[in-house]
């Protein structure tokens, strides 16, 4: 059974083209680390100045936190974030220690 996530984050209007360009050619190490963490069906959508991310975690629930820590520590991940984070505008009300804001799932039709 997959655990589904919806997240949101702002993006600086003048950086949208660059953000799209970077994600059109995501580094192989980053894609591999995402897959190794158990993340599947990962998509990022854009509307206006907001990004919406959807992904599914496929793996044991008791391993989720450790897998997300391993993903954050993956080779080149900090380099990728150093490239993409200046393009983004996080929600000022997000929980401490987070970048993307998690959204509550209110409906799912499987």
Protein backbone atom coordinates (compact mmCIF):
# COMPACT_ATOMS: atom_id res chain seq x y z
CA UNK A 1 0.00 0.00 0.00
CA UNK A 2 1.33 3.41 -0.96
CA UNK A 3 1.36 6.47 1.26
CA UNK A 4 0.38 9.51 -0.84
CA UNK A 5 1.74 13.03 -0.38
CA UNK A 6 0.66 16.42 -1.68
CA UNK A 7 2.95 19.36 -1.01
CA UNK A 8 3.09 23.01 -1.99
CA UNK A 9 5.78 25.62 -2.33
CA UNK A 10 6.07 29.04 -3.94
CA UNK A 11 8.36 29.83 -6.84
CA UNK A 12 9.91 33.13 -7.82
CA UNK A 13 8.31 34.21 -11.13
CA UNK A 14 11.63 35.19 -12.67
CA UNK A 15 13.02 31.68 -11.95
CA UNK A 16 10.21 29.55 -13.45
CA UNK A 17 11.96 28.94 -16.80
CA UNK A 18 15.17 27.94 -15.05
CA UNK A 19 13.30 25.64 -12.64
CA UNK A 20 11.59 23.89 -15.55
CA UNK A 21 14.90 23.56 -17.40
CA UNK A 22 16.65 22.00 -14.40
CA UNK A 23 13.84 19.50 -13.83
CA UNK A 24 13.70 18.55 -17.51
CA UNK A 25 17.27 17.29 -17.10
CA UNK A 26 17.28 16.03 -13.51
CA UNK A 27 20.63 14.57 -12.56
CA UNK A 28 20.73 10.75 -12.68
CA UNK A 29 22.05 10.57 -9.10
CA UNK A 30 19.04 12.52 -7.84
CA UNK A 31 16.52 10.39 -9.74
CA UNK A 32 18.22 7.21 -8.45
CA UNK A 33 18.19 8.47 -4.84
CA UNK A 34 14.48 9.32 -5.08
CA UNK A 35 13.70 5.84 -6.38
CA UNK A 36 15.93 4.18 -3.74
CA UNK A 37 13.95 6.02 -1.04
CA UNK A 38 10.79 4.27 -2.23
CA UNK A 39 9.27 7.31 -3.92
CA UNK A 40 7.17 6.61 -7.01
CA UNK A 41 4.81 8.60 -9.22
CA UNK A 42 6.56 11.86 -8.35
CA UNK A 43 5.22 14.87 -10.21
CA UNK A 44 5.56 18.62 -9.75
CA UNK A 45 2.90 20.94 -11.17
CA UNK A 46 2.99 24.71 -11.62
CA UNK A 47 0.16 27.20 -11.42
CA UNK A 48 0.85 30.88 -11.11
CA UNK A 49 3.50 31.30 -8.46
CA UNK A 50 2.86 27.96 -6.77
CA UNK A 51 4.36 24.51 -7.19
CA UNK A 52 2.34 21.43 -6.24
CA UNK A 53 4.16 18.13 -5.75
CA UNK A 54 2.57 14.71 -5.63
CA UNK A 55 4.38 11.50 -4.83
CA UNK A 56 3.80 8.08 -3.36
CA UNK A 57 5.99 6.34 -0.82
CA UNK A 58 6.17 2.58 -1.38
CA UNK A 59 7.88 0.91 1.54
CA UNK A 60 7.48 -0.11 5.15
CA UNK A 61 5.94 2.64 7.25
CA UNK A 62 8.49 2.14 10.00
CA UNK A 63 11.30 2.87 7.49
CA UNK A 64 9.84 6.10 6.10
CA UNK A 65 11.73 8.57 8.32
CA UNK A 66 15.05 6.76 7.87
CA UNK A 67 14.57 6.61 4.10
CA UNK A 68 13.86 10.35 3.95
CA UNK A 69 17.01 11.02 5.99
CA UNK A 70 19.00 8.80 3.62
CA UNK A 71 17.52 10.67 0.66
CA UNK A 72 18.57 14.00 2.16
CA UNK A 73 22.10 12.62 2.64
CA UNK A 74 22.36 11.12 -0.85
CA UNK A 75 25.34 12.12 -3.00
CA UNK A 76 24.75 15.43 -4.78
CA UNK A 77 21.38 16.05 -3.03
CA UNK A 78 22.68 19.11 -1.16
CA UNK A 79 24.12 20.37 -4.46
CA UNK A 80 20.70 19.91 -6.13
CA UNK A 81 18.95 21.73 -3.29
CA UNK A 82 21.53 24.52 -3.40
CA UNK A 83 20.57 24.94 -7.07
CA UNK A 84 16.78 24.76 -6.68
CA UNK A 85 16.07 26.33 -3.27
CA UNK A 86 16.98 29.91 -4.34
CA UNK A 87 14.23 29.61 -6.98
CA UNK A 88 11.61 28.69 -4.38
CA UNK A 89 9.56 30.56 -1.78
CA UNK A 90 8.64 28.37 1.19
CA UNK A 91 5.44 28.93 3.15
CA UNK A 92 6.34 31.12 6.15
CA UNK A 93 3.88 29.09 8.27
CA UNK A 94 5.44 25.71 7.46
CA UNK A 95 6.57 23.51 10.36
CA UNK A 96 10.13 24.02 11.56
CA UNK A 97 12.65 21.86 9.73
CA UNK A 98 10.56 21.53 6.55
CA UNK A 99 10.82 23.20 3.16
CA UNK A 100 7.77 22.02 1.21
CA UNK A 101 4.44 22.33 3.06
CA UNK A 102 2.53 19.07 3.38
CA UNK A 103 -1.12 19.16 2.41
CA UNK A 104 -3.95 17.17 3.98
CA UNK A 105 -5.54 14.61 1.69
CA UNK A 106 -9.30 15.09 1.87
CA UNK A 107 -10.39 12.79 -0.96
CA UNK A 108 -8.99 9.86 -2.91
CA UNK A 109 -10.70 7.63 -5.45
CA UNK A 110 -8.56 4.58 -6.10
